Amino acid sequence: MTENHEQPISDETIRRFLLGELTGGDQSHFEEQLFTDDDLAMRVRLAELELCDEYASMRVSDREQQIFRERFLLTLDRKQALEVSTALGDRFRTKTTEHSLIQRIRNLININQAVWKYAFAALILLFVLATVLLVTKDNSRIAHWIPQRVPPKPAATATPRITHHSTNAPAPAHDEQSPELPLHDSLTPSVVLTSNNPIDSSPVITNANRDFVRFEIVLDQPAAEFYDVKVTTLSGESVFSVNAIKRAEDKLLLDVAANAINSGDYQVSLTRSDDEKQSAGIYYFRVR
C-alpha cells in the first residue's frame, strides 16, 4: 500500500487560481483538490478575503486591479466581501494630522493607569474576536462558492428547438441596449448564446490574442435573480463554473479565461440558484 505524497499548494498558486491565471490542466487539478481538502477550501476563502483587502487598500498592481474586476469580482459573495474590506479600510484608515492617534489617546487618558490598561486590552480582545467571527461565520458561504462537479452528460440528451437565431420571431434580447459596462470591457468582443441553437449552428469563436472571452447568455424565461453556470465539454469534462451570477434584465454576462477553453465543442448549463435548483437551459459554442 503506497501513500500519496501530494505536493502542497502554495499561496501563490491559490492567488493565481482566484485571478484565473492557471492553465487548463493546473486549473482542473486544483479544483479536484478543492473538492476533497477542507483545509485548502479554508485557505482559498482566506486568500479571497485577503485579495479583497489588498484591492480595497490599493496594494495591487494596475494589471491585477484589471484582472480583479474582470475575472475575480463575478459572484455576489465576492462583491460583498469587497464591500466589507472597503468599509473596514475607510473606518480604520488613519489621517495625517499634527498629532498621531496614539498621542491623542494619551492626551485624553492616562495609559499608565492599571484600569485603562485593562480596558485597552479588553478592546483589543473584542476586536480580535470580531475578526475571527467575521472569517468563520456562516461556513455555508464557502460551500456555496465551491463549484460543484458536473456529472458527464452525453450530447444526445440535449434536445434544443431547431430554430435558427437569425429567424427567431420574438425580439431577441441581445438587440436591446446592453447595461453600461466599464471602459476596459468595451474592447472585449462578446459572444451571444441562445438556447435554441443546436451544436451545428452554434457560434464559432477563437480565443487567440485575447485574455478572456465574454459571453452574453440570453435567458428564455427569466424566473430567478441568480443563476449557477457550468461550462463543460460535450463529454462532460468541467472547464469552468461559477455560482450566483445576477442576471442583467434577461441575460447573463460571463467572462471565461481564454486559456481555459481549447479547440473543441462546449456546452453551457444554467441552473437557478434559488431553492428550486431547476435547470434554466443548455447553450452550445465551438472554439477553433
C-alpha atoms as a PDB file:
ATOM      1  CA  MET A   1       0.000   0.000   0.000  1.00  0.00           C
ATOM      2  CA  THR A   2       1.561   3.310  -1.053  1.00  0.00           C
ATOM      3  CA  GLU A   3       0.992   6.730   0.382  1.00  0.00           C
ATOM      4  CA  ASN A   4       0.047   9.664  -1.841  1.00  0.00           C
ATOM      5  CA  HIS A   5       2.614  12.377  -1.246  1.00  0.00           C
ATOM      6  CA  GLU A   6       0.724  15.329  -2.713  1.00  0.00           C
ATOM      7  CA  GLN A   7       2.833  18.434  -3.302  1.00  0.00           C
ATOM      8  CA  PRO A   8       1.443  21.170  -1.006  1.00  0.00           C
ATOM      9  CA  ILE A   9      -0.259  24.011  -2.832  1.00  0.00           C
ATOM     10  CA  SER A  10       1.483  27.351  -2.351  1.00  0.00           C
ATOM     11  CA  ASP A  11      -0.208  30.643  -1.534  1.00  0.00           C
ATOM     12  CA  GLU A  12       0.938  31.963  -4.923  1.00  0.00           C
ATOM     13  CA  THR A  13      -0.899  29.122  -6.698  1.00  0.00           C
ATOM     14  CA  ILE A  14      -4.078  29.924  -4.739  1.00  0.00           C
ATOM     15  CA  ARG A  15      -3.774  33.590  -5.723  1.00  0.00           C
ATOM     16  CA  ARG A  16      -3.314  32.657  -9.407  1.00  0.00           C
ATOM     17  CA  PHE A  17      -6.406  30.407  -9.171  1.00  0.00           C
ATOM     18  CA  LEU A  18      -8.520  33.246  -7.771  1.00  0.00           C
ATOM     19  CA  LEU A  19      -7.301  35.585 -10.539  1.00  0.00           C
ATOM     20  CA  GLY A  20      -7.977  32.973 -13.263  1.00  0.00           C
ATOM     21  CA  GLU A  21      -4.314  32.659 -14.265  1.00  0.00           C
ATOM     22  CA  LEU A  22      -3.950  28.859 -14.001  1.00  0.00           C
ATOM     23  CA  THR A  23      -3.726  26.792 -17.177  1.00  0.00           C
ATOM     24  CA  GLY A  24      -6.384  24.221 -18.055  1.00  0.00           C
ATOM     25  CA  GLY A  25      -4.505  21.251 -16.517  1.00  0.00           C
ATOM     26  CA  ASP A  26      -3.467  23.101 -13.361  1.00  0.00           C
ATOM     27  CA  GLN A  27      -6.993  24.514 -13.019  1.00  0.00           C
ATOM     28  CA  SER A  28      -8.567  21.032 -13.145  1.00  0.00           C
ATOM     29  CA  HIS A  29      -6.025  19.593 -10.687  1.00  0.00           C
ATOM     30  CA  PHE A  30      -6.620  22.488  -8.279  1.00  0.00           C
ATOM     31  CA  GLU A  31     -10.411  22.088  -8.429  1.00  0.00           C
ATOM     32  CA  GLU A  32     -10.130  18.333  -7.752  1.00  0.00           C
ATOM     33  CA  GLN A  33      -8.149  19.004  -4.566  1.00  0.00           C
ATOM     34  CA  LEU A  34     -10.568  21.764  -3.602  1.00  0.00           C
ATOM     35  CA  PHE A  35     -13.464  19.257  -3.593  1.00  0.00           C
ATOM     36  CA  THR A  36     -11.767  16.942  -1.094  1.00  0.00           C
ATOM     37  CA  ASP A  37      -9.463  19.145   1.005  1.00  0.00           C
ATOM     38  CA  ASP A  38     -11.298  21.209   3.623  1.00  0.00           C
ATOM     39  CA  ASP A  39      -8.080  22.913   4.704  1.00  0.00           C
ATOM     40  CA  LEU A  40      -7.451  24.031   1.125  1.00  0.00           C
ATOM     41  CA  ALA A  41     -11.017  25.352   0.890  1.00  0.00           C
ATOM     42  CA  MET A  42     -10.455  27.442   4.043  1.00  0.00           C
ATOM     43  CA  ARG A  43      -7.126  28.722   2.674  1.00  0.00           C
ATOM     44  CA  VAL A  44      -8.828  29.706  -0.567  1.00  0.00           C
ATOM     45  CA  ARG A  45     -11.546  31.575   1.322  1.00  0.00           C
ATOM     46  CA  LEU A  46      -8.986  33.415   3.470  1.00  0.00           C
ATOM     47  CA  ALA A  47      -6.952  34.264   0.357  1.00  0.00           C
ATOM     48  CA  GLU A  48     -10.154  35.558  -1.241  1.00  0.00           C
ATOM     49  CA  LEU A  49     -10.731  37.923   1.694  1.00  0.00           C
ATOM     50  CA  GLU A  50      -7.057  38.967   1.712  1.00  0.00           C
ATOM     51  CA  LEU A  51      -7.242  39.761  -2.006  1.00  0.00           C
ATOM     52  CA  CYS A  52     -10.293  41.949  -1.369  1.00  0.00           C
ATOM     53  CA  ASP A  53      -8.364  43.765   1.392  1.00  0.00           C
ATOM     54  CA  GLU A  54      -5.388  44.358  -0.910  1.00  0.00           C
ATOM     55  CA  TYR A  55      -7.628  45.695  -3.669  1.00  0.00           C
ATOM     56  CA  ALA A  56      -9.552  47.950  -1.267  1.00  0.00           C
ATOM     57  CA  SER A  57      -6.293  49.402   0.113  1.00  0.00           C
ATOM     58  CA  MET A  58      -4.754  49.789  -3.387  1.00  0.00           C
ATOM     59  CA  ARG A  59      -1.931  47.334  -2.649  1.00  0.00           C
ATOM     60  CA  VAL A  60      -2.166  45.572  -6.036  1.00  0.00           C
ATOM     61  CA  SER A  61      -0.651  46.489  -9.390  1.00  0.00           C
ATOM     62  CA  ASP A  62      -2.621  48.112 -12.209  1.00  0.00           C
ATOM     63  CA  ARG A  63      -2.657  44.799 -14.083  1.00  0.00           C
ATOM     64  CA  GLU A  64      -4.009  42.882 -11.068  1.00  0.00           C
ATOM     65  CA  GLN A  65      -6.633  45.583 -10.498  1.00  0.00           C
ATOM     66  CA  GLN A  66      -7.999  44.980 -14.007  1.00  0.00           C
ATOM     67  CA  ILE A  67      -7.872  41.185 -13.639  1.00  0.00           C
ATOM     68  CA  PHE A  68      -9.563  41.508 -10.202  1.00  0.00           C
ATOM     69  CA  ARG A  69     -12.504  43.387 -11.717  1.00  0.00           C
ATOM     70  CA  GLU A  70     -12.804  41.204 -14.841  1.00  0.00           C
ATOM     71  CA  ARG A  71     -12.203  37.661 -13.520  1.00  0.00           C
ATOM     72  CA  PHE A  72     -12.484  37.701  -9.736  1.00  0.00           C
ATOM     73  CA  LEU A  73     -15.375  40.047  -8.937  1.00  0.00           C
ATOM     74  CA  LEU A  74     -18.060  37.820 -10.528  1.00  0.00           C
ATOM     75  CA  THR A  75     -20.124  36.453  -7.636  1.00  0.00           C
ATOM     76  CA  LEU A  76     -22.329  38.160  -5.082  1.00  0.00           C
ATOM     77  CA  ASP A  77     -20.244  36.795  -2.175  1.00  0.00           C
ATOM     78  CA  ARG A  78     -17.048  38.297  -3.554  1.00  0.00           C
ATOM     79  CA  LYS A  79     -18.704  41.646  -4.133  1.00  0.00           C
ATOM     80  CA  GLN A  80     -19.995  41.635  -0.546  1.00  0.00           C
ATOM     81  CA  ALA A  81     -16.519  40.712   0.733  1.00  0.00           C
ATOM     82  CA  LEU A  82     -15.063  43.673  -1.174  1.00  0.00           C
ATOM     83  CA  GLU A  83     -17.685  45.970   0.354  1.00  0.00           C
ATOM     84  CA  VAL A  84     -16.710  44.767   3.842  1.00  0.00           C
ATOM     85  CA  SER A  85     -12.989  45.291   3.115  1.00  0.00           C
ATOM     86  CA  THR A  86     -13.672  48.773   1.763  1.00  0.00           C
ATOM     87  CA  ALA A  87     -15.791  49.692   4.800  1.00  0.00           C
ATOM     88  CA  LEU A  88     -13.149  48.423   7.220  1.00  0.00           C
ATOM     89  CA  GLY A  89     -10.421  50.277   5.332  1.00  0.00           C
ATOM     90  CA  ASP A  90     -12.385  53.530   5.475  1.00  0.00           C
ATOM     91  CA  ARG A  91     -13.170  53.013   9.153  1.00  0.00           C
ATOM     92  CA  PHE A  92      -9.626  52.378  10.349  1.00  0.00           C
ATOM     93  CA  ARG A  93      -7.641  54.471   7.866  1.00  0.00           C
ATOM     94  CA  THR A  94      -5.567  56.986   9.815  1.00  0.00           C
ATOM     95  CA  LYS A  95      -5.488  60.639   8.802  1.00  0.00           C
ATOM     96  CA  THR A  96      -2.254  62.608   8.588  1.00  0.00           C
ATOM     97  CA  THR A  97      -2.579  65.292  11.239  1.00  0.00           C
ATOM     98  CA  GLU A  98      -0.298  67.262  13.514  1.00  0.00           C
ATOM     99  CA  HIS A  99      -0.506  64.613  16.263  1.00  0.00           C
ATOM    100  CA  SER A 100      -0.795  60.826  15.831  1.00  0.00           C
ATOM    101  CA  LEU A 101      -3.831  58.864  17.020  1.00  0.00           C
ATOM    102  CA  ILE A 102      -1.794  57.311  19.824  1.00  0.00           C
ATOM    103  CA  GLN A 103      -0.694  60.765  21.001  1.00  0.00           C
ATOM    104  CA  ARG A 104      -4.319  61.914  21.047  1.00  0.00           C
ATOM    105  CA  ILE A 105      -5.341  58.915  23.134  1.00  0.00           C
ATOM    106  CA  ARG A 106      -2.508  59.597  25.560  1.00  0.00           C
ATOM    107  CA  ASN A 107      -3.641  63.209  25.829  1.00  0.00           C
ATOM    108  CA  LEU A 108      -7.176  62.110  26.701  1.00  0.00           C
ATOM    109  CA  ILE A 109      -6.431  59.290  29.155  1.00  0.00           C
ATOM    110  CA  ASN A 110      -3.540  58.176  31.306  1.00  0.00           C
ATOM    111  CA  ILE A 111      -2.490  54.920  29.662  1.00  0.00           C
ATOM    112  CA  ASN A 112      -0.221  54.088  32.572  1.00  0.00           C
ATOM    113  CA  GLN A 113      -3.136  53.616  34.945  1.00  0.00           C
ATOM    114  CA  ALA A 114      -3.998  49.947  35.541  1.00  0.00           C
ATOM    115  CA  VAL A 115      -7.722  50.474  34.875  1.00  0.00           C
ATOM    116  CA  TRP A 116      -7.080  51.920  31.418  1.00  0.00           C
ATOM    117  CA  LYS A 117      -4.556  49.194  30.641  1.00  0.00           C
ATOM    118  CA  TYR A 118      -7.198  46.531  31.269  1.00  0.00           C
ATOM    119  CA  ALA A 119      -9.780  48.461  29.282  1.00  0.00           C
ATOM    120  CA  PHE A 120      -7.397  48.812  26.325  1.00  0.00           C
ATOM    121  CA  ALA A 121      -6.563  45.086  26.458  1.00  0.00           C
ATOM    122  CA  ALA A 122     -10.271  44.219  26.526  1.00  0.00           C
ATOM    123  CA  LEU A 123     -10.850  46.458  23.484  1.00  0.00           C
ATOM    124  CA  ILE A 124      -8.122  44.644  21.536  1.00  0.00           C
ATOM    125  CA  LEU A 125      -9.584  41.264  22.568  1.00  0.00           C
ATOM    126  CA  LEU A 126     -13.041  42.279  21.345  1.00  0.00           C
ATOM    127  CA  PHE A 127     -11.579  43.405  18.022  1.00  0.00           C
ATOM    128  CA  VAL A 128      -9.755  40.075  17.571  1.00  0.00           C
ATOM    129  CA  LEU A 129     -12.904  38.084  18.409  1.00  0.00           C
ATOM    130  CA  ALA A 130     -14.942  40.148  15.975  1.00  0.00           C
ATOM    131  CA  THR A 131     -12.390  39.495  13.215  1.00  0.00           C
ATOM    132  CA  VAL A 132     -12.413  35.743  13.878  1.00  0.00           C
ATOM    133  CA  LEU A 133     -16.214  35.711  13.880  1.00  0.00           C
ATOM    134  CA  LEU A 134     -16.284  37.534  10.542  1.00  0.00           C
ATOM    135  CA  VAL A 135     -13.997  34.916   8.983  1.00  0.00           C
ATOM    136  CA  THR A 136     -15.684  31.815  10.423  1.00  0.00           C
ATOM    137  CA  LYS A 137     -19.325  32.918  10.326  1.00  0.00           C
ATOM    138  CA  ASP A 138     -21.654  31.001   8.041  1.00  0.00           C
ATOM    139  CA  ASN A 139     -19.483  28.187   6.649  1.00  0.00           C
ATOM    140  CA  SER A 140     -22.178  27.565   4.089  1.00  0.00           C
ATOM    141  CA  ARG A 141     -20.871  30.570   2.131  1.00  0.00           C
ATOM    142  CA  ILE A 142     -17.671  28.632   1.406  1.00  0.00           C
ATOM    143  CA  ALA A 143     -19.622  25.520   0.403  1.00  0.00           C
ATOM    144  CA  HIS A 144     -21.841  27.692  -1.801  1.00  0.00           C
ATOM    145  CA  TRP A 145     -18.788  29.232  -3.525  1.00  0.00           C
ATOM    146  CA  ILE A 146     -17.013  25.911  -4.257  1.00  0.00           C
ATOM    147  CA  PRO A 147     -18.001  24.836  -7.778  1.00  0.00           C
ATOM    148  CA  GLN A 148     -19.997  21.619  -7.899  1.00  0.00           C
ATOM    149  CA  ARG A 149     -18.759  18.701 -10.014  1.00  0.00           C
ATOM    150  CA  VAL A 150     -20.873  18.229 -13.111  1.00  0.00           C
ATOM    151  CA  PRO A 151     -21.797  14.609 -13.913  1.00  0.00           C
ATOM    152  CA  PRO A 152     -20.980  13.729 -17.524  1.00  0.00           C
ATOM    153  CA  LYS A 153     -23.830  14.375 -19.924  1.00  0.00           C
ATOM    154  CA  PRO A 154     -23.815  12.815 -23.391  1.00  0.00           C
ATOM    155  CA  ALA A 155     -24.647  15.275 -26.118  1.00  0.00           C
ATOM    156  CA  ALA A 156     -27.572  13.112 -27.285  1.00  0.00           C
ATOM    157  CA  THR A 157     -29.644  14.049 -24.212  1.00  0.00           C
ATOM    158  CA  ALA A 158     -29.851  17.698 -25.209  1.00  0.00           C
ATOM    159  CA  THR A 159     -32.891  18.416 -27.396  1.00  0.00           C
ATOM    160  CA  PRO A 160     -32.925  22.137 -28.170  1.00  0.00           C
ATOM    161  CA  ARG A 161     -35.522  23.501 -30.565  1.00  0.00           C
ATOM    162  CA  ILE A 162     -34.250  23.614 -34.141  1.00  0.00           C
ATOM    163  CA  THR A 163     -34.815  27.301 -34.804  1.00  0.00           C
ATOM    164  CA  HIS A 164     -32.054  29.479 -36.168  1.00  0.00           C
ATOM    165  CA  HIS A 165     -31.212  32.619 -34.236  1.00  0.00           C
ATOM    166  CA  SER A 166     -31.481  34.823 -37.299  1.00  0.00           C
ATOM    167  CA  THR A 167     -35.148  33.841 -37.946  1.00  0.00           C
ATOM    168  CA  ASN A 168     -36.397  33.846 -34.365  1.00  0.00           C
ATOM    169  CA  ALA A 169     -39.743  35.653 -34.321  1.00  0.00           C
ATOM    170  CA  PRO A 170     -39.641  37.186 -30.803  1.00  0.00           C
ATOM    171  CA  ALA A 171     -37.483  40.256 -30.414  1.00  0.00           C
ATOM    172  CA  PRO A 172     -34.013  38.909 -29.440  1.00  0.00           C
ATOM    173  CA  ALA A 173     -32.877  40.230 -26.102  1.00  0.00           C
ATOM    174  CA  HIS A 174     -29.342  40.896 -27.304  1.00  0.00           C
ATOM    175  CA  ASP A 175     -30.646  43.591 -29.698  1.00  0.00           C
ATOM    176  CA  GLU A 176     -31.655  45.658 -26.714  1.00  0.00           C
ATOM    177  CA  GLN A 177     -29.298  48.203 -25.259  1.00  0.00           C
ATOM    178  CA  SER A 178     -26.785  46.397 -23.032  1.00  0.00           C
ATOM    179  CA  PRO A 179     -26.110  47.622 -19.490  1.00  0.00           C
ATOM    180  CA  GLU A 180     -23.390  50.225 -19.236  1.00  0.00           C
ATOM    181  CA  LEU A 181     -20.006  48.475 -18.938  1.00  0.00           C
ATOM    182  CA  PRO A 182     -16.639  49.702 -17.621  1.00  0.00           C
ATOM    183  CA  LEU A 183     -14.326  51.252 -20.187  1.00  0.00           C
ATOM    184  CA  HIS A 184     -11.948  48.283 -20.262  1.00  0.00           C
ATOM    185  CA  ASP A 185     -14.853  45.941 -21.219  1.00  0.00           C
ATOM    186  CA  SER A 186     -15.570  47.937 -24.376  1.00  0.00           C
ATOM    187  CA  LEU A 187     -12.572  46.344 -26.108  1.00  0.00           C
ATOM    188  CA  THR A 188     -13.739  42.788 -25.349  1.00  0.00           C
ATOM    189  CA  PRO A 189     -15.744  41.044 -28.120  1.00  0.00           C
ATOM    190  CA  SER A 190     -18.924  39.412 -26.868  1.00  0.00           C
ATOM    191  CA  VAL A 191     -20.362  36.059 -27.957  1.00  0.00           C
ATOM    192  CA  VAL A 192     -24.170  35.830 -27.803  1.00  0.00           C
ATOM    193  CA  LEU A 193     -25.550  32.405 -26.814  1.00  0.00           C
ATOM    194  CA  THR A 194     -29.181  31.357 -27.189  1.00  0.00           C
ATOM    195  CA  SER A 195     -30.625  28.045 -26.065  1.00  0.00           C
ATOM    196  CA  ASN A 196     -32.471  27.437 -29.337  1.00  0.00           C
ATOM    197  CA  ASN A 197     -29.284  26.896 -31.353  1.00  0.00           C
ATOM    198  CA  PRO A 198     -28.110  23.293 -31.882  1.00  0.00           C
ATOM    199  CA  ILE A 199     -24.393  22.497 -31.803  1.00  0.00           C
ATOM    200  CA  ASP A 200     -24.129  22.508 -35.618  1.00  0.00           C
ATOM    201  CA  SER A 201     -25.268  26.137 -35.846  1.00  0.00           C
ATOM    202  CA  SER A 202     -23.780  27.383 -32.580  1.00  0.00           C
ATOM    203  CA  PRO A 203     -21.327  30.347 -32.547  1.00  0.00           C
ATOM    204  CA  VAL A 204     -17.739  29.555 -33.548  1.00  0.00           C
ATOM    205  CA  ILE A 205     -15.169  31.660 -31.698  1.00  0.00           C
ATOM    206  CA  THR A 206     -11.411  31.938 -31.461  1.00  0.00           C
ATOM    207  CA  ASN A 207      -9.568  32.730 -28.247  1.00  0.00           C
ATOM    208  CA  ALA A 208      -6.411  33.924 -29.986  1.00  0.00           C
ATOM    209  CA  ASN A 209      -4.999  37.348 -28.998  1.00  0.00           C
ATOM    210  CA  ARG A 210      -7.326  37.765 -26.031  1.00  0.00           C
ATOM    211  CA  ASP A 211      -7.081  37.100 -22.315  1.00  0.00           C
ATOM    212  CA  PHE A 212     -10.699  36.056 -21.855  1.00  0.00           C
ATOM    213  CA  VAL A 213     -13.966  35.564 -23.747  1.00  0.00           C
ATOM    214  CA  ARG A 214     -17.169  37.360 -22.762  1.00  0.00           C
ATOM    215  CA  PHE A 215     -20.460  35.503 -23.226  1.00  0.00           C
ATOM    216  CA  GLU A 216     -23.913  37.127 -23.305  1.00  0.00           C
ATOM    217  CA  ILE A 217     -26.265  34.296 -22.339  1.00  0.00           C
ATOM    218  CA  VAL A 218     -29.838  35.149 -23.346  1.00  0.00           C
ATOM    219  CA  LEU A 219     -32.384  33.751 -20.874  1.00  0.00           C
ATOM    220  CA  ASP A 220     -35.511  32.207 -22.397  1.00  0.00           C
ATOM    221  CA  GLN A 221     -37.799  32.930 -19.449  1.00  0.00           C
ATOM    222  CA  PRO A 222     -36.009  34.801 -16.645  1.00  0.00           C
ATOM    223  CA  ALA A 223     -37.506  33.375 -13.450  1.00  0.00           C
ATOM    224  CA  ALA A 224     -34.740  33.924 -10.916  1.00  0.00           C
ATOM    225  CA  GLU A 225     -32.354  36.693  -9.936  1.00  0.00           C
ATOM    226  CA  PHE A 226     -29.250  34.481  -9.662  1.00  0.00           C
ATOM    227  CA  TYR A 227     -28.018  31.518 -11.703  1.00  0.00           C
ATOM    228  CA  ASP A 228     -25.270  28.896 -11.432  1.00  0.00           C
ATOM    229  CA  VAL A 229     -23.280  28.488 -14.659  1.00  0.00           C
ATOM    230  CA  LYS A 230     -21.206  25.439 -15.675  1.00  0.00           C
ATOM    231  CA  VAL A 231     -19.111  25.185 -18.855  1.00  0.00           C
ATOM    232  CA  THR A 232     -18.222  21.628 -19.900  1.00  0.00           C
ATOM    233  CA  THR A 233     -17.099  19.733 -22.944  1.00  0.00           C
ATOM    234  CA  LEU A 234     -19.695  17.615 -24.736  1.00  0.00           C
ATOM    235  CA  SER A 235     -18.201  14.572 -22.980  1.00  0.00           C
ATOM    236  CA  GLY A 236     -18.942  16.140 -19.585  1.00  0.00           C
ATOM    237  CA  GLU A 237     -15.460  17.399 -18.587  1.00  0.00           C
ATOM    238  CA  SER A 238     -15.774  20.543 -16.481  1.00  0.00           C
ATOM    239  CA  VAL A 239     -13.676  23.510 -17.620  1.00  0.00           C
ATOM    240  CA  PHE A 240     -15.302  26.417 -15.759  1.00  0.00           C
ATOM    241  CA  SER A 241     -18.090  27.010 -13.256  1.00  0.00           C
ATOM    242  CA  VAL A 242     -19.370  29.879 -11.146  1.00  0.00           C
ATOM    243  CA  ASN A 243     -22.330  30.304  -8.798  1.00  0.00           C
ATOM    244  CA  ALA A 244     -24.861  33.032  -8.070  1.00  0.00           C
ATOM    245  CA  ILE A 245     -24.434  35.285 -11.112  1.00  0.00           C
ATOM    246  CA  LYS A 246     -27.036  38.058 -11.042  1.00  0.00           C
ATOM    247  CA  ARG A 247     -28.934  38.463 -14.286  1.00  0.00           C
ATOM    248  CA  ALA A 248     -28.942  41.792 -16.111  1.00  0.00           C
ATOM    249  CA  GLU A 249     -32.536  42.111 -17.304  1.00  0.00           C
ATOM    250  CA  ASP A 250     -32.968  38.961 -19.447  1.00  0.00           C
ATOM    251  CA  LYS A 251     -29.330  37.930 -19.936  1.00  0.00           C
ATOM    252  CA  LEU A 252     -26.229  36.836 -18.032  1.00  0.00           C
ATOM    253  CA  LEU A 253     -22.748  38.261 -18.622  1.00  0.00           C
ATOM    254  CA  LEU A 254     -19.992  35.655 -18.186  1.00  0.00           C
ATOM    255  CA  ASP A 255     -16.222  36.084 -18.620  1.00  0.00           C
ATOM    256  CA  VAL A 256     -14.182  32.891 -19.192  1.00  0.00           C
ATOM    257  CA  ALA A 257     -10.390  32.844 -19.312  1.00  0.00           C
ATOM    258  CA  ALA A 258      -9.235  32.124 -22.886  1.00  0.00           C
ATOM    259  CA  ASN A 259      -6.619  29.630 -21.693  1.00  0.00           C
ATOM    260  CA  ALA A 260      -9.351  27.507 -20.079  1.00  0.00           C
ATOM    261  CA  ILE A 261     -11.055  26.619 -23.370  1.00  0.00           C
ATOM    262  CA  ASN A 262      -9.117  24.886 -26.111  1.00  0.00           C
ATOM    263  CA  SER A 263     -10.305  23.941 -29.587  1.00  0.00           C
ATOM    264  CA  GLY A 264     -13.432  21.803 -29.389  1.00  0.00           C
ATOM    265  CA  ASP A 265     -17.209  21.812 -28.772  1.00  0.00           C
ATOM    266  CA  TYR A 266     -18.662  23.023 -25.461  1.00  0.00           C
ATOM    267  CA  GLN A 267     -21.974  23.357 -23.682  1.00  0.00           C
ATOM    268  CA  VAL A 268     -23.096  25.865 -21.062  1.00  0.00           C
ATOM    269  CA  SER A 269     -25.604  24.638 -18.445  1.00  0.00           C
ATOM    270  CA  LEU A 270     -27.698  27.076 -16.389  1.00  0.00           C
ATOM    271  CA  THR A 271     -29.319  26.257 -13.042  1.00  0.00           C
ATOM    272  CA  ARG A 272     -31.421  28.549 -10.893  1.00  0.00           C
ATOM    273  CA  SER A 273     -29.616  29.475  -7.665  1.00  0.00           C
ATOM    274  CA  ASP A 274     -32.794  29.571  -5.597  1.00  0.00           C
ATOM    275  CA  ASP A 275     -34.241  26.711  -3.526  1.00  0.00           C
ATOM    276  CA  GLU A 276     -35.795  25.026  -6.575  1.00  0.00           C
ATOM    277  CA  LYS A 277     -32.395  24.465  -8.329  1.00  0.00           C
ATOM    278  CA  GLN A 278     -34.178  23.959 -11.660  1.00  0.00           C
ATOM    279  CA  SER A 279     -32.341  23.775 -14.988  1.00  0.00           C
ATOM    280  CA  ALA A 280     -32.597  27.042 -16.937  1.00  0.00           C
ATOM    281  CA  GLY A 281     -31.302  25.889 -20.323  1.00  0.00           C
ATOM    282  CA  ILE A 282     -28.331  24.458 -22.234  1.00  0.00           C
ATOM    283  CA  TYR A 283     -26.259  26.509 -24.685  1.00  0.00           C
ATOM    284  CA  TYR A 284     -23.563  25.481 -27.175  1.00  0.00           C
ATOM    285  CA  PHE A 285     -20.478  27.075 -28.711  1.00  0.00           C
ATOM    286  CA  ARG A 286     -17.388  25.947 -30.579  1.00  0.00           C
ATOM    287  CA  VAL A 287     -13.753  27.027 -30.326  1.00  0.00           C
ATOM    288  CA  ARG A 288     -11.470  26.865 -33.359  1.00  0.00           C
END
